Amino acid sequence: MTSFATSQTLAASSTTWLFTGVGVIIVAVLIAAFWFGSRRTQNKPMPPQEPQPGSDSWQPPEASQGQEPTDPEHRA
């Protein structure tokens, strides 16, 4: 084996280790971001459990307040 072929093999080997290391770091950052985001979501206050006004209505908010809809195709 010539020295040129040996240097190519060593370069390919070091490049493989470099890509593997970068990949492991990216995966670790993604896992940490997911973990941190799920912890933030757990600490959020729960929404109120009582019924909200208009929650059982099929009408848009402006129609339920007696205003005319702004969309011209929405009119009957």
C-alpha atoms as a PDB file:
ATOM      1  CA  MET A   1       0.000   0.000   0.000  1.00  0.00           C
ATOM      2  CA  THR A   2       1.401   3.374  -0.908  1.00  0.00           C
ATOM      3  CA  SER A   3       1.621   6.302   1.441  1.00  0.00           C
ATOM      4  CA  PHE A   4      -1.019   8.127  -0.644  1.00  0.00           C
ATOM      5  CA  ALA A   5      -3.519   5.302  -0.148  1.00  0.00           C
ATOM      6  CA  THR A   6      -2.674   5.165   3.548  1.00  0.00           C
ATOM      7  CA  SER A   7      -3.258   8.898   3.944  1.00  0.00           C
ATOM      8  CA  GLN A   8      -6.588   8.603   2.129  1.00  0.00           C
ATOM      9  CA  THR A   9      -7.645   5.775   4.450  1.00  0.00           C
ATOM     10  CA  LEU A  10      -6.670   7.790   7.531  1.00  0.00           C
ATOM     11  CA  ALA A  11      -8.479  10.871   6.197  1.00  0.00           C
ATOM     12  CA  ALA A  12     -11.623   8.854   5.512  1.00  0.00           C
ATOM     13  CA  SER A  13     -11.426   7.302   8.964  1.00  0.00           C
ATOM     14  CA  SER A  14     -11.032  10.668  10.698  1.00  0.00           C
ATOM     15  CA  THR A  15     -13.867  12.136   8.608  1.00  0.00           C
ATOM     16  CA  THR A  16     -16.111   9.253   9.631  1.00  0.00           C
ATOM     17  CA  TRP A  17     -15.327   9.861  13.306  1.00  0.00           C
ATOM     18  CA  LEU A  18     -15.928  13.577  12.836  1.00  0.00           C
ATOM     19  CA  PHE A  19     -19.368  13.009  11.287  1.00  0.00           C
ATOM     20  CA  THR A  20     -20.225  10.459  13.975  1.00  0.00           C
ATOM     21  CA  GLY A  21     -19.252  12.911  16.713  1.00  0.00           C
ATOM     22  CA  VAL A  22     -21.247  15.738  15.137  1.00  0.00           C
ATOM     23  CA  GLY A  23     -24.241  13.423  14.739  1.00  0.00           C
ATOM     24  CA  VAL A  24     -24.094  12.373  18.385  1.00  0.00           C
ATOM     25  CA  ILE A  25     -23.912  16.027  19.463  1.00  0.00           C
ATOM     26  CA  ILE A  26     -26.931  16.935  17.291  1.00  0.00           C
ATOM     27  CA  VAL A  27     -28.958  14.046  18.700  1.00  0.00           C
ATOM     28  CA  ALA A  28     -28.024  15.036  22.252  1.00  0.00           C
ATOM     29  CA  VAL A  29     -29.075  18.658  21.616  1.00  0.00           C
ATOM     30  CA  LEU A  30     -32.415  17.534  20.136  1.00  0.00           C
ATOM     31  CA  ILE A  31     -33.126  15.236  23.090  1.00  0.00           C
ATOM     32  CA  ALA A  32     -32.219  18.013  25.541  1.00  0.00           C
ATOM     33  CA  ALA A  33     -34.460  20.502  23.709  1.00  0.00           C
ATOM     34  CA  PHE A  34     -37.383  18.058  23.772  1.00  0.00           C
ATOM     35  CA  TRP A  35     -36.825  17.368  27.476  1.00  0.00           C
ATOM     36  CA  PHE A  36     -36.601  21.091  28.305  1.00  0.00           C
ATOM     37  CA  GLY A  37     -39.739  21.855  26.263  1.00  0.00           C
ATOM     38  CA  SER A  38     -41.743  19.115  27.939  1.00  0.00           C
ATOM     39  CA  ARG A  39     -40.669  20.404  31.376  1.00  0.00           C
ATOM     40  CA  ARG A  40     -41.826  23.914  30.442  1.00  0.00           C
ATOM     41  CA  THR A  41     -45.171  22.529  29.250  1.00  0.00           C
ATOM     42  CA  GLN A  42     -45.679  20.679  32.543  1.00  0.00           C
ATOM     43  CA  ASN A  43     -45.162  23.912  34.494  1.00  0.00           C
ATOM     44  CA  LYS A  44     -47.819  25.865  32.567  1.00  0.00           C
ATOM     45  CA  PRO A  45     -51.043  26.550  34.456  1.00  0.00           C
ATOM     46  CA  MET A  46     -54.026  24.500  33.378  1.00  0.00           C
ATOM     47  CA  PRO A  47     -56.781  26.315  31.460  1.00  0.00           C
ATOM     48  CA  PRO A  48     -59.958  27.042  33.415  1.00  0.00           C
ATOM     49  CA  GLN A  49     -62.336  24.105  33.592  1.00  0.00           C
ATOM     50  CA  GLU A  50     -65.579  26.106  33.725  1.00  0.00           C
ATOM     51  CA  PRO A  51     -67.432  26.539  30.433  1.00  0.00           C
ATOM     52  CA  GLN A  52     -66.307  29.520  28.400  1.00  0.00           C
ATOM     53  CA  PRO A  53     -68.845  31.925  26.875  1.00  0.00           C
ATOM     54  CA  GLY A  54     -69.715  30.863  23.341  1.00  0.00           C
ATOM     55  CA  SER A  55     -67.907  27.538  23.628  1.00  0.00           C
ATOM     56  CA  ASP A  56     -71.045  25.626  22.588  1.00  0.00           C
ATOM     57  CA  SER A  57     -71.867  27.994  19.736  1.00  0.00           C
ATOM     58  CA  TRP A  58     -71.202  27.202  16.108  1.00  0.00           C
ATOM     59  CA  GLN A  59     -71.306  30.877  15.161  1.00  0.00           C
ATOM     60  CA  PRO A  60     -68.165  32.983  14.838  1.00  0.00           C
ATOM     61  CA  PRO A  61     -67.581  35.523  17.635  1.00  0.00           C
ATOM     62  CA  GLU A  62     -68.674  38.577  15.603  1.00  0.00           C
ATOM     63  CA  ALA A  63     -71.989  36.909  14.664  1.00  0.00           C
ATOM     64  CA  SER A  64     -72.746  36.009  18.273  1.00  0.00           C
ATOM     65  CA  GLN A  65     -72.376  39.666  19.350  1.00  0.00           C
ATOM     66  CA  GLY A  66     -74.992  40.875  16.880  1.00  0.00           C
ATOM     67  CA  GLN A  67     -72.505  42.326  14.405  1.00  0.00           C
ATOM     68  CA  GLU A  68     -72.787  41.649  10.723  1.00  0.00           C
ATOM     69  CA  PRO A  69     -70.087  39.348   9.282  1.00  0.00           C
ATOM     70  CA  THR A  70     -67.311  41.097   7.346  1.00  0.00           C
ATOM     71  CA  ASP A  71     -67.020  38.377   4.702  1.00  0.00           C
ATOM     72  CA  PRO A  72     -69.400  39.215   1.787  1.00  0.00           C
ATOM     73  CA  GLU A  73     -69.745  35.534   0.812  1.00  0.00           C
ATOM     74  CA  HIS A  74     -70.849  34.692   4.347  1.00  0.00           C
ATOM     75  CA  ARG A  75     -74.131  36.607   4.023  1.00  0.00           C
ATOM     76  CA  ALA A  76     -77.270  34.670   3.252  1.00  0.00           C
END
